[in-house]
C-alpha cells in the first residue's frame, strides 16, 4: 500500500519542534529549550500532525511517547 502524499504545508519549523519534543520528552521542556511558549510548540505539533495526516506522539500522562 502506498502512503498518502505529505502535505505541502509541512515546514522545517515543525520538524525542528518535533525533534525538540522527542529529545526533551515533554512539550514544556522542548519549549524551554527552544525559547518559545509551550502553546507555540503544541500548535506546531498539531499543524505537523495535520500535514502528515496522523498523530506523531502518544500522550502518556504528562510525557509523550513515540
PDB file of N, CA and C in Angstrom:
ATOM      1  N   UNK A   1       0.838  -1.181   0.000  1.00  0.00           N
ATOM      2  CA  UNK A   1       0.000   0.000   0.000  1.00  0.00           C
ATOM      3  C   UNK A   1       0.886   1.249   0.000  1.00  0.00           C
ATOM      4  N   UNK A   2       0.550   2.193  -0.821  1.00  0.00           N
ATOM      5  CA  UNK A   2       1.314   3.432  -0.947  1.00  0.00           C
ATOM      6  C   UNK A   2       0.814   4.431   0.089  1.00  0.00           C
ATOM      7  N   UNK A   3       1.728   5.034   0.880  1.00  0.00           N
ATOM      8  CA  UNK A   3       1.271   6.021   1.860  1.00  0.00           C
ATOM      9  C   UNK A   3       0.747   7.267   1.174  1.00  0.00           C
ATOM     10  N   UNK A   4      -0.166   7.987   1.839  1.00  0.00           N
ATOM     11  CA  UNK A   4      -0.681   9.210   1.227  1.00  0.00           C
ATOM     12  C   UNK A   4       0.432  10.238   1.081  1.00  0.00           C
ATOM     13  N   UNK A   5       0.337  11.115   0.097  1.00  0.00           N
ATOM     14  CA  UNK A   5       1.381  12.131  -0.086  1.00  0.00           C
ATOM     15  C   UNK A   5       1.424  13.078   1.103  1.00  0.00           C
ATOM     16  N   UNK A   6       2.611  13.559   1.416  1.00  0.00           N
ATOM     17  CA  UNK A   6       2.779  14.521   2.501  1.00  0.00           C
ATOM     18  C   UNK A   6       2.317  15.882   2.006  1.00  0.00           C
ATOM     19  N   UNK A   7       1.595  16.574   2.861  1.00  0.00           N
ATOM     20  CA  UNK A   7       1.074  17.888   2.516  1.00  0.00           C
ATOM     21  C   UNK A   7       2.202  18.881   2.250  1.00  0.00           C
ATOM     22  N   UNK A   8       1.959  19.803   1.358  1.00  0.00           N
ATOM     23  CA  UNK A   8       2.921  20.862   1.071  1.00  0.00           C
ATOM     24  C   UNK A   8       3.027  21.845   2.238  1.00  0.00           C
ATOM     25  N   UNK A   9       2.131  21.708   3.220  1.00  0.00           N
ATOM     26  CA  UNK A   9       2.134  22.594   4.376  1.00  0.00           C
ATOM     27  C   UNK A   9       3.203  22.228   5.402  1.00  0.00           C
ATOM     28  N   UNK A  10       3.913  21.139   5.191  1.00  0.00           N
ATOM     29  CA  UNK A  10       4.962  20.704   6.100  1.00  0.00           C
ATOM     30  C   UNK A  10       6.099  21.718   6.080  1.00  0.00           C
ATOM     31  N   UNK A  11       6.520  22.162   7.264  1.00  0.00           N
ATOM     32  CA  UNK A  11       7.549  23.195   7.350  1.00  0.00           C
ATOM     33  C   UNK A  11       8.710  22.725   8.219  1.00  0.00           C
ATOM     34  N   UNK A  12       9.887  23.232   7.920  1.00  0.00           N
ATOM     35  CA  UNK A  12      11.086  22.897   8.678  1.00  0.00           C
ATOM     36  C   UNK A  12      10.911  23.237  10.158  1.00  0.00           C
ATOM     37  N   UNK A  13      10.236  24.337  10.455  1.00  0.00           N
ATOM     38  CA  UNK A  13       9.984  24.750  11.837  1.00  0.00           C
ATOM     39  C   UNK A  13       9.243  23.655  12.600  1.00  0.00           C
ATOM     40  N   UNK A  14       8.265  23.032  11.967  1.00  0.00           N
ATOM     41  CA  UNK A  14       7.507  21.961  12.609  1.00  0.00           C
ATOM     42  C   UNK A  14       8.410  20.767  12.905  1.00  0.00           C
ATOM     43  N   UNK A  15       9.279  20.435  11.965  1.00  0.00           N
ATOM     44  CA  UNK A  15      10.184  19.312  12.167  1.00  0.00           C
ATOM     45  C   UNK A  15      11.192  19.595  13.271  1.00  0.00           C
ATOM     46  N   UNK A  16      11.673  20.831  13.342  1.00  0.00           N
ATOM     47  CA  UNK A  16      12.593  21.202  14.425  1.00  0.00           C
ATOM     48  C   UNK A  16      11.919  21.074  15.784  1.00  0.00           C
ATOM     49  N   UNK A  17      10.668  21.502  15.860  1.00  0.00           N
ATOM     50  CA  UNK A  17       9.938  21.395  17.127  1.00  0.00           C
ATOM     51  C   UNK A  17       9.651  19.938  17.456  1.00  0.00           C
ATOM     52  N   UNK A  18       9.355  19.135  16.458  1.00  0.00           N
ATOM     53  CA  UNK A  18       9.151  17.701  16.670  1.00  0.00           C
ATOM     54  C   UNK A  18      10.406  17.072  17.271  1.00  0.00           C
ATOM     55  N   UNK A  19      11.563  17.366  16.693  1.00  0.00           N
ATOM     56  CA  UNK A  19      12.829  16.824  17.204  1.00  0.00           C
ATOM     57  C   UNK A  19      13.071  17.303  18.636  1.00  0.00           C
ATOM     58  N   UNK A  20      12.784  18.563  18.908  1.00  0.00           N
ATOM     59  CA  UNK A  20      12.973  19.101  20.261  1.00  0.00           C
ATOM     60  C   UNK A  20      12.085  18.371  21.263  1.00  0.00           C
ATOM     61  N   UNK A  21      10.853  18.076  20.881  1.00  0.00           N
ATOM     62  CA  UNK A  21       9.946  17.349  21.779  1.00  0.00           C
ATOM     63  C   UNK A  21      10.444  15.923  21.998  1.00  0.00           C
ATOM     64  N   UNK A  22      10.904  15.277  20.949  1.00  0.00           N
ATOM     65  CA  UNK A  22      11.448  13.921  21.088  1.00  0.00           C
ATOM     66  C   UNK A  22      12.616  13.928  22.068  1.00  0.00           C
ATOM     67  N   UNK A  23      13.517  14.886  21.907  1.00  0.00           N
ATOM     68  CA  UNK A  23      14.696  14.950  22.771  1.00  0.00           C
ATOM     69  C   UNK A  23      14.344  15.337  24.204  1.00  0.00           C
ATOM     70  N   UNK A  24      13.394  16.262  24.383  1.00  0.00           N
ATOM     71  CA  UNK A  24      13.042  16.763  25.712  1.00  0.00           C
ATOM     72  C   UNK A  24      12.016  15.878  26.430  1.00  0.00           C
ATOM     73  N   UNK A  25      11.255  15.130  25.665  1.00  0.00           N
ATOM     74  CA  UNK A  25      10.216  14.214  26.153  1.00  0.00           C
ATOM     75  C   UNK A  25       8.955  14.891  26.677  1.00  0.00           C
ATOM     76  N   UNK A  26       8.935  16.207  26.759  1.00  0.00           N
ATOM     77  CA  UNK A  26       7.699  16.928  27.099  1.00  0.00           C
ATOM     78  C   UNK A  26       7.643  18.208  26.268  1.00  0.00           C
ATOM     79  N   UNK A  27       6.420  18.669  26.042  1.00  0.00           N
ATOM     80  CA  UNK A  27       6.241  19.922  25.302  1.00  0.00           C
ATOM     81  C   UNK A  27       6.834  21.090  26.075  1.00  0.00           C
ATOM     82  N   UNK A  28       6.661  21.074  27.379  1.00  0.00           N
ATOM     83  CA  UNK A  28       7.151  22.184  28.209  1.00  0.00           C
ATOM     84  C   UNK A  28       8.670  22.297  28.148  1.00  0.00           C
ATOM     85  N   UNK A  29       9.365  21.182  28.325  1.00  0.00           N
ATOM     86  CA  UNK A  29      10.832  21.229  28.275  1.00  0.00           C
ATOM     87  C   UNK A  29      11.320  21.590  26.873  1.00  0.00           C
ATOM     88  N   UNK A  30      10.633  21.104  25.849  1.00  0.00           N
ATOM     89  CA  UNK A  30      11.008  21.460  24.474  1.00  0.00           C
ATOM     90  C   UNK A  30      10.860  22.962  24.268  1.00  0.00           C
ATOM     91  N   UNK A  31       9.760  23.515  24.773  1.00  0.00           N
ATOM     92  CA  UNK A  31       9.529  24.957  24.646  1.00  0.00           C
ATOM     93  C   UNK A  31      10.622  25.749  25.350  1.00  0.00           C
ATOM     94  N   UNK A  32      11.003  25.309  26.540  1.00  0.00           N
ATOM     95  CA  UNK A  32      12.077  25.986  27.275  1.00  0.00           C
ATOM     96  C   UNK A  32      13.384  25.936  26.493  1.00  0.00           C
ATOM     97  N   UNK A  33      13.694  24.782  25.930  1.00  0.00           N
ATOM     98  CA  UNK A  33      14.916  24.624  25.145  1.00  0.00           C
ATOM     99  C   UNK A  33      14.905  25.534  23.918  1.00  0.00           C
ATOM    100  N   UNK A  34      13.744  25.632  23.265  1.00  0.00           N
ATOM    101  CA  UNK A  34      13.617  26.441  22.049  1.00  0.00           C
ATOM    102  C   UNK A  34      13.424  27.925  22.344  1.00  0.00           C
ATOM    103  N   UNK A  35      13.100  28.264  23.583  1.00  0.00           N
ATOM    104  CA  UNK A  35      12.874  29.657  23.945  1.00  0.00           C
ATOM    105  C   UNK A  35      11.555  30.201  23.424  1.00  0.00           C
ATOM    106  N   UNK A  36      10.536  29.331  23.370  1.00  0.00           N
ATOM    107  CA  UNK A  36       9.208  29.742  22.906  1.00  0.00           C
ATOM    108  C   UNK A  36       8.180  29.293  23.941  1.00  0.00           C
ATOM    109  N   UNK A  37       6.956  29.749  23.798  1.00  0.00           N
ATOM    110  CA  UNK A  37       5.876  29.335  24.683  1.00  0.00           C
ATOM    111  C   UNK A  37       5.484  27.887  24.400  1.00  0.00           C
ATOM    112  N   UNK A  38       5.015  27.196  25.432  1.00  0.00           N
ATOM    113  CA  UNK A  38       4.577  25.808  25.265  1.00  0.00           C
ATOM    114  C   UNK A  38       3.446  25.724  24.244  1.00  0.00           C
ATOM    115  N   UNK A  39       2.584  26.727  24.219  1.00  0.00           N
ATOM    116  CA  UNK A  39       1.468  26.722  23.266  1.00  0.00           C
ATOM    117  C   UNK A  39       1.971  26.781  21.820  1.00  0.00           C
ATOM    118  N   UNK A  40       3.100  27.450  21.591  1.00  0.00           N
ATOM    119  CA  UNK A  40       3.685  27.509  20.249  1.00  0.00           C
ATOM    120  C   UNK A  40       4.137  26.127  19.802  1.00  0.00           C
ATOM    121  N   UNK A  41       4.775  25.401  20.703  1.00  0.00           N
ATOM    122  CA  UNK A  41       5.210  24.033  20.377  1.00  0.00           C
ATOM    123  C   UNK A  41       3.984  23.162  20.114  1.00  0.00           C
ATOM    124  N   UNK A  42       2.993  23.257  20.983  1.00  0.00           N
ATOM    125  CA  UNK A  42       1.775  22.464  20.836  1.00  0.00           C
ATOM    126  C   UNK A  42       1.080  22.745  19.503  1.00  0.00           C
ATOM    127  N   UNK A  43       0.965  24.012  19.146  1.00  0.00           N
ATOM    128  CA  UNK A  43       0.323  24.394  17.872  1.00  0.00           C
ATOM    129  C   UNK A  43       1.107  23.865  16.680  1.00  0.00           C
ATOM    130  N   UNK A  44       2.432  23.908  16.752  1.00  0.00           N
ATOM    131  CA  UNK A  44       3.251  23.417  15.651  1.00  0.00           C
ATOM    132  C   UNK A  44       3.182  21.904  15.518  1.00  0.00           C
ATOM    133  N   UNK A  45       3.106  21.201  16.633  1.00  0.00           N
ATOM    134  CA  UNK A  45       2.958  19.743  16.582  1.00  0.00           C
ATOM    135  C   UNK A  45       1.592  19.390  15.988  1.00  0.00           C
ATOM    136  N   UNK A  46       0.549  20.110  16.393  1.00  0.00           N
ATOM    137  CA  UNK A  46      -0.790  19.879  15.831  1.00  0.00           C
ATOM    138  C   UNK A  46      -0.797  20.148  14.327  1.00  0.00           C
ATOM    139  N   UNK A  47      -0.112  21.200  13.907  1.00  0.00           N
ATOM    140  CA  UNK A  47      -0.022  21.528  12.482  1.00  0.00           C
ATOM    141  C   UNK A  47       0.745  20.443  11.719  1.00  0.00           C
ATOM    142  N   UNK A  48       1.813  19.937  12.330  1.00  0.00           N
ATOM    143  CA  UNK A  48       2.577  18.847  11.721  1.00  0.00           C
ATOM    144  C   UNK A  48       1.705  17.605  11.565  1.00  0.00           C
ATOM    145  N   UNK A  49       0.939  17.294  12.590  1.00  0.00           N
ATOM    146  CA  UNK A  49       0.047  16.135  12.527  1.00  0.00           C
ATOM    147  C   UNK A  49      -0.999  16.297  11.425  1.00  0.00           C
ATOM    148  N   UNK A  50      -1.532  17.494  11.274  1.00  0.00           N
ATOM    149  CA  UNK A  50      -2.495  17.735  10.183  1.00  0.00           C
ATOM    150  C   UNK A  50      -1.829  17.554   8.820  1.00  0.00           C
ATOM    151  N   UNK A  51      -0.608  18.068   8.684  1.00  0.00           N
ATOM    152  CA  UNK A  51       0.101  17.957   7.404  1.00  0.00           C
ATOM    153  C   UNK A  51       0.410  16.501   7.061  1.00  0.00           C
ATOM    154  N   UNK A  52       0.732  15.710   8.087  1.00  0.00           N
ATOM    155  CA  UNK A  52       1.071  14.297   7.859  1.00  0.00           C
ATOM    156  C   UNK A  52      -0.161  13.399   7.823  1.00  0.00           C
ATOM    157  N   UNK A  53      -1.254  13.889   8.385  1.00  0.00           N
ATOM    158  CA  UNK A  53      -2.479  13.093   8.419  1.00  0.00           C
ATOM    159  C   UNK A  53      -2.459  12.006   9.479  1.00  0.00           C
ATOM    160  N   UNK A  54      -1.635  12.176  10.517  1.00  0.00           N
ATOM    161  CA  UNK A  54      -1.555  11.180  11.587  1.00  0.00           C
ATOM    162  C   UNK A  54      -0.977  11.813  12.845  1.00  0.00           C
ATOM    163  N   UNK A  55      -1.222  11.183  13.964  1.00  0.00           N
ATOM    164  CA  UNK A  55      -0.619  11.634  15.221  1.00  0.00           C
ATOM    165  C   UNK A  55       0.851  11.230  15.227  1.00  0.00           C
ATOM    166  N   UNK A  56       1.696  12.071  15.810  1.00  0.00           N
ATOM    167  CA  UNK A  56       3.124  11.753  15.863  1.00  0.00           C
ATOM    168  C   UNK A  56       3.567  11.333  17.264  1.00  0.00           C
ATOM    169  N   UNK A  57       2.715  11.555  18.272  1.00  0.00           N
ATOM    170  CA  UNK A  57       3.018  11.163  19.646  1.00  0.00           C
ATOM    171  C   UNK A  57       1.804  10.503  20.273  1.00  0.00           C
ATOM    172  N   UNK A  58       2.069   9.591  21.208  1.00  0.00           N
ATOM    173  CA  UNK A  58       1.020   9.050  22.064  1.00  0.00           C
ATOM    174  C   UNK A  58       1.152   9.772  23.396  1.00  0.00           C
ATOM    175  N   UNK A  59       0.081  10.347  23.876  1.00  0.00           N
ATOM    176  CA  UNK A  59       0.139  11.045  25.161  1.00  0.00           C
ATOM    177  C   UNK A  59       0.092  10.006  26.274  1.00  0.00           C
ATOM    178  N   UNK A  60       1.037  10.138  27.200  1.00  0.00           N
ATOM    179  CA  UNK A  60       1.158   9.204  28.319  1.00  0.00           C
ATOM    180  C   UNK A  60       1.256  10.031  29.594  1.00  0.00           C
ATOM    181  N   UNK A  61       0.111  10.462  30.121  1.00  0.00           N
ATOM    182  CA  UNK A  61       0.140  11.358  31.273  1.00  0.00           C
ATOM    183  C   UNK A  61       0.711  12.694  30.843  1.00  0.00           C
ATOM    184  N   UNK A  62       1.797  13.093  31.461  1.00  0.00           N
ATOM    185  CA  UNK A  62       2.415  14.372  31.109  1.00  0.00           C
ATOM    186  C   UNK A  62       3.547  14.207  30.120  1.00  0.00           C
ATOM    187  N   UNK A  63       3.972  12.981  29.879  1.00  0.00           N
ATOM    188  CA  UNK A  63       5.055  12.788  28.912  1.00  0.00           C
ATOM    189  C   UNK A  63       4.470  12.248  27.603  1.00  0.00           C
ATOM    190  N   UNK A  64       5.276  12.267  26.579  1.00  0.00           N
ATOM    191  CA  UNK A  64       4.843  11.838  25.259  1.00  0.00           C
ATOM    192  C   UNK A  64       5.617  10.610  24.830  1.00  0.00           C
ATOM    193  N   UNK A  65       4.946   9.680  24.201  1.00  0.00           N
ATOM    194  CA  UNK A  65       5.592   8.504  23.649  1.00  0.00           C
ATOM    195  C   UNK A  65       5.663   8.610  22.152  1.00  0.00           C
ATOM    196  N   UNK A  66       6.519   7.828  21.536  1.00  0.00           N
ATOM    197  CA  UNK A  66       6.638   7.841  20.079  1.00  0.00           C
ATOM    198  C   UNK A  66       5.940   6.670  19.472  1.00  0.00           C
TER     199      UNK A  66
END
